[in-house]
Amino acid sequence: MSHAPALPLPPESGMDPDRRTWLLASGAMGVTATAAVAVPFVASFAPSERAKAQGAAVTMDPASVAAGEVRTVEWRGQPVWVMRRTPEMLASLEGMSDLADPASHKPQQPHYATNTHRSIKPELFVTVGICTHLGCSPVTLNQGTSNPSVPADWKGGFFCPCHGSTFDFAGRVFNNKPAPTNLVVPPHQYLADGSLLIGEDDSGAA
C-alpha cells in the first residue's frame, strides 16, 4: 500500500508551541514502538534454550582447568566433566585391577576412548558426570580419603554416594558394583585454536 509523502512542517516561527511539542512527542513514541517490535524479531534468530537442550555442541577453554580440577559444562541438559589429570592420577590407571571393563570393550564410547586413559589427550578427561546405574551424580574422591565406602588402598577416582558404585580416574567402573558400564564419554574434539568442542567429533558423531 502506497503512502502519500509527508508534508513539510511549517516554519518553527509560525507553529503553535503546544502543537510542536505534541508532534515531537508523537515522533519519539513512534521510534520507540519500532524498536520494541524490532528487538523480538532479531532475537528470534538466536538459538532457543530448547534447541540448546536438544544437542547443540558447546565449547570451552581446557587451558582454564587447573591440574587436578574438574570443570562442569552443560551439554544436552547433562553435566559434562572436563578434568585435567595430574601425572599421579594417570599413573594410577596403569595396572588397575578389579575393573568390570578395563579395556572399554563395551560399545558405549567413541573410538578415541578405548585406551587406558579413555581420552584423546591423556591429561584431559571428558565424561558425562552421571552414574550409569540410576543417573545419580558421583563425587571425586582422591587417594588418602577417609571415606569408609572405598577400600583402604583406594588410588583415587569417582564415587557414587547413592548406591556405592566406584570408578577410577578414567571413569572405568569396578567389579560387582550397581553401575553396569563405565562413565559415558561424549563425542568431542579439540579445535585448531585449542578450544574443546563437546557434542561433535571428526567422525560426525553427535
Protein backbone atom coordinates (compact mmCIF):
# COMPACT_ATOMS: atom_id res chain seq x y z
CA MET A 1 0.00 0.00 0.00
CA SER A 2 1.49 3.37 -1.04
CA HIS A 3 1.66 6.34 1.27
CA ALA A 4 1.47 10.00 0.32
CA PRO A 5 4.67 11.89 1.06
CA ALA A 6 4.63 13.69 4.39
CA LEU A 7 4.03 17.40 4.11
CA PRO A 8 6.84 19.55 5.50
CA LEU A 9 6.14 21.18 8.82
CA PRO A 10 5.60 24.91 8.76
CA PRO A 11 8.50 27.05 9.92
CA GLU A 12 9.04 26.99 13.65
CA SER A 13 8.26 30.68 13.93
CA GLY A 14 4.72 30.10 12.59
CA MET A 15 3.83 26.93 14.60
CA ASP A 16 1.88 26.90 17.78
CA PRO A 17 4.31 25.78 20.58
CA ASP A 18 1.82 23.27 22.01
CA ARG A 19 1.32 21.65 18.60
CA ARG A 20 5.07 21.39 18.01
CA THR A 21 5.55 19.70 21.39
CA TRP A 22 2.79 17.19 20.60
CA LEU A 23 4.33 16.35 17.18
CA LEU A 24 7.79 15.80 18.66
CA ALA A 25 6.39 13.55 21.37
CA SER A 26 4.43 11.52 18.82
CA GLY A 27 7.53 11.02 16.68
CA ALA A 28 9.55 9.83 19.67
CA MET A 29 6.86 7.28 20.60
CA GLY A 30 6.86 6.01 17.01
CA VAL A 31 10.62 5.38 17.09
CA THR A 32 10.29 3.60 20.45
CA ALA A 33 7.48 1.39 19.15
CA THR A 34 9.53 0.45 16.08
CA ALA A 35 12.48 -0.54 18.27
CA ALA A 36 10.21 -2.58 20.55
CA VAL A 37 9.00 -4.58 17.54
CA ALA A 38 12.47 -4.98 16.02
CA VAL A 39 14.20 -6.37 19.12
CA PRO A 40 11.99 -9.51 19.47
CA PHE A 41 12.28 -10.07 15.71
CA VAL A 42 16.09 -10.04 15.82
CA ALA A 43 16.13 -12.13 18.98
CA SER A 44 14.09 -14.81 17.22
CA PHE A 45 17.20 -15.71 15.21
CA ALA A 46 19.15 -16.71 18.35
CA PRO A 47 19.12 -20.43 19.34
CA SER A 48 16.39 -21.14 21.86
CA GLU A 49 17.04 -22.89 25.16
CA ARG A 50 15.08 -25.84 23.80
CA ALA A 51 17.37 -26.05 20.76
CA LYS A 52 20.42 -25.99 23.01
CA ALA A 53 18.95 -28.77 25.16
CA GLN A 54 18.35 -30.91 22.08
CA GLY A 55 22.05 -31.22 21.40
CA ALA A 56 23.80 -28.07 20.24
CA ALA A 57 27.55 -28.51 20.69
CA VAL A 58 29.29 -26.32 23.26
CA THR A 59 32.86 -25.08 23.50
CA MET A 60 35.12 -24.35 26.44
CA ASP A 61 38.76 -23.48 27.06
CA PRO A 62 40.52 -26.51 28.57
CA ALA A 63 43.53 -24.36 29.41
CA SER A 64 41.41 -22.79 32.16
CA VAL A 65 41.22 -26.13 34.01
CA ALA A 66 43.95 -26.46 36.62
CA ALA A 67 45.77 -29.72 37.34
CA GLY A 68 43.56 -31.98 39.44
CA GLU A 69 40.50 -29.81 38.85
CA VAL A 70 37.14 -30.86 37.39
CA ARG A 71 35.18 -28.25 35.42
CA THR A 72 31.49 -28.87 34.63
CA VAL A 73 30.00 -27.87 31.26
CA GLU A 74 26.31 -28.36 30.42
CA TRP A 75 25.54 -30.24 27.19
CA ARG A 76 22.09 -31.61 26.30
CA GLY A 77 20.98 -30.80 29.81
CA GLN A 78 23.69 -33.06 31.24
CA PRO A 79 26.78 -32.19 33.30
CA VAL A 80 29.93 -32.94 31.32
CA TRP A 81 33.12 -33.07 33.37
CA VAL A 82 36.41 -31.83 31.99
CA MET A 83 39.22 -32.98 34.28
CA ARG A 84 42.90 -32.17 33.96
CA ARG A 85 44.58 -35.21 35.44
CA THR A 86 47.88 -34.95 37.24
CA PRO A 87 50.78 -37.32 36.42
CA GLU A 88 49.92 -39.19 39.61
CA MET A 89 46.32 -39.66 38.50
CA LEU A 90 47.45 -41.02 35.14
CA ALA A 91 49.94 -43.36 36.81
CA SER A 92 47.15 -44.79 38.97
CA LEU A 93 45.35 -46.00 35.84
CA GLU A 94 48.11 -48.37 34.84
CA GLY A 95 47.75 -51.92 36.11
CA MET A 96 44.42 -51.13 37.76
CA SER A 97 42.74 -54.40 38.76
CA ASP A 98 39.20 -55.37 39.63
CA LEU A 99 37.63 -53.35 36.83
CA ALA A 100 34.49 -54.54 35.02
CA ASP A 101 35.58 -53.27 31.59
CA PRO A 102 39.23 -52.16 31.81
CA ALA A 103 39.81 -52.01 28.03
CA SER A 104 36.47 -50.30 27.29
CA HIS A 105 35.27 -53.12 25.03
CA LYS A 106 31.59 -52.35 25.53
CA PRO A 107 30.38 -50.18 22.61
CA GLN A 108 29.40 -47.20 24.71
CA GLN A 109 32.12 -44.71 23.86
CA PRO A 110 33.87 -43.17 20.82
CA HIS A 111 36.88 -44.99 19.39
CA TYR A 112 39.28 -42.48 20.98
CA ALA A 113 38.06 -43.56 24.43
CA THR A 114 39.09 -47.21 24.12
CA ASN A 115 42.57 -46.65 25.54
CA THR A 116 43.63 -46.87 29.18
CA HIS A 117 43.00 -43.21 29.90
CA ARG A 118 39.79 -43.12 27.77
CA SER A 119 40.60 -39.77 26.22
CA ILE A 120 42.13 -38.02 23.21
CA LYS A 121 44.74 -36.24 25.32
CA PRO A 122 45.93 -38.31 28.27
CA GLU A 123 45.84 -35.44 30.75
CA LEU A 124 42.34 -34.25 29.79
CA PHE A 125 39.40 -36.49 30.62
CA VAL A 126 35.94 -35.64 29.26
CA THR A 127 32.96 -37.59 30.58
CA VAL A 128 29.28 -37.23 31.41
CA GLY A 129 29.14 -36.80 35.17
CA ILE A 130 26.20 -39.15 35.66
CA CYS A 131 26.40 -42.64 37.15
CA THR A 132 25.37 -45.30 34.65
CA HIS A 133 23.30 -47.07 37.29
CA LEU A 134 20.33 -44.81 38.05
CA GLY A 135 21.56 -41.39 36.96
CA CYS A 136 22.95 -40.12 40.26
CA SER A 137 25.90 -37.73 40.38
CA PRO A 138 29.24 -39.19 41.54
CA VAL A 139 31.78 -37.19 43.51
CA THR A 140 35.57 -37.07 43.27
CA LEU A 141 37.48 -38.98 45.95
CA ASN A 142 41.24 -38.55 45.90
CA GLN A 143 43.76 -41.04 47.24
CA GLY A 144 44.01 -40.95 51.01
CA THR A 145 40.34 -40.14 51.57
CA SER A 146 38.83 -41.12 54.90
CA ASN A 147 35.58 -42.18 53.23
CA PRO A 148 34.82 -45.70 54.59
CA SER A 149 32.88 -46.62 51.43
CA VAL A 150 36.09 -47.14 49.42
CA PRO A 151 38.87 -49.63 50.16
CA ALA A 152 41.95 -48.68 52.17
CA ASP A 153 44.16 -48.98 49.05
CA TRP A 154 41.94 -46.57 47.07
CA LYS A 155 44.04 -44.83 44.38
CA GLY A 156 41.51 -42.11 43.68
CA GLY A 157 38.55 -41.83 41.35
CA PHE A 158 34.82 -41.21 41.45
CA PHE A 159 32.30 -42.49 43.98
CA CYS A 160 28.51 -42.51 43.64
CA PRO A 161 27.07 -41.97 47.15
CA CYS A 162 23.58 -43.10 46.12
CA HIS A 163 24.32 -46.81 45.67
CA GLY A 164 28.08 -47.18 46.10
CA SER A 165 29.40 -47.52 42.55
CA THR A 166 33.07 -46.63 42.19
CA PHE A 167 35.06 -45.58 39.13
CA ASP A 168 38.74 -44.87 38.56
CA PHE A 169 40.06 -41.58 37.14
CA ALA A 170 39.27 -42.83 33.62
CA GLY A 171 35.63 -43.43 34.56
CA ARG A 172 36.03 -47.22 34.49
CA VAL A 173 33.65 -48.95 36.87
CA PHE A 174 34.88 -51.50 39.38
CA ASN A 175 33.59 -55.07 39.52
CA ASN A 176 30.50 -56.03 41.47
CA LYS A 177 29.06 -52.53 41.56
CA PRO A 178 25.50 -51.44 40.67
CA ALA A 179 26.68 -49.37 37.68
CA PRO A 180 26.65 -51.70 34.63
CA THR A 181 29.10 -49.74 32.46
CA ASN A 182 31.88 -47.18 32.57
CA LEU A 183 31.02 -43.48 32.68
CA VAL A 184 29.94 -42.22 29.26
CA VAL A 185 32.46 -40.33 27.12
CA PRO A 186 30.57 -37.88 24.88
CA PRO A 187 31.68 -37.05 21.33
CA HIS A 188 34.24 -34.26 21.46
CA GLN A 189 37.24 -32.83 19.66
CA TYR A 190 39.94 -30.19 20.04
CA LEU A 191 39.72 -27.31 17.59
CA ALA A 192 42.59 -25.51 15.88
CA ASP A 193 42.56 -22.71 18.44
CA GLY A 194 42.94 -25.21 21.29
CA SER A 195 39.34 -24.97 22.47
CA LEU A 196 37.34 -28.08 23.28
CA LEU A 197 34.14 -28.76 21.34
CA ILE A 198 31.73 -31.03 23.23
CA GLY A 199 28.93 -32.67 21.25
CA GLU A 200 30.64 -33.32 17.92
CA ASP A 201 33.76 -35.04 16.66
CA ASP A 202 35.62 -35.67 13.39
CA SER A 203 33.54 -38.76 12.69
CA GLY A 204 30.36 -36.71 12.62
CA ALA A 205 29.04 -38.28 15.80
CA ALA A 206 26.79 -36.10 17.89
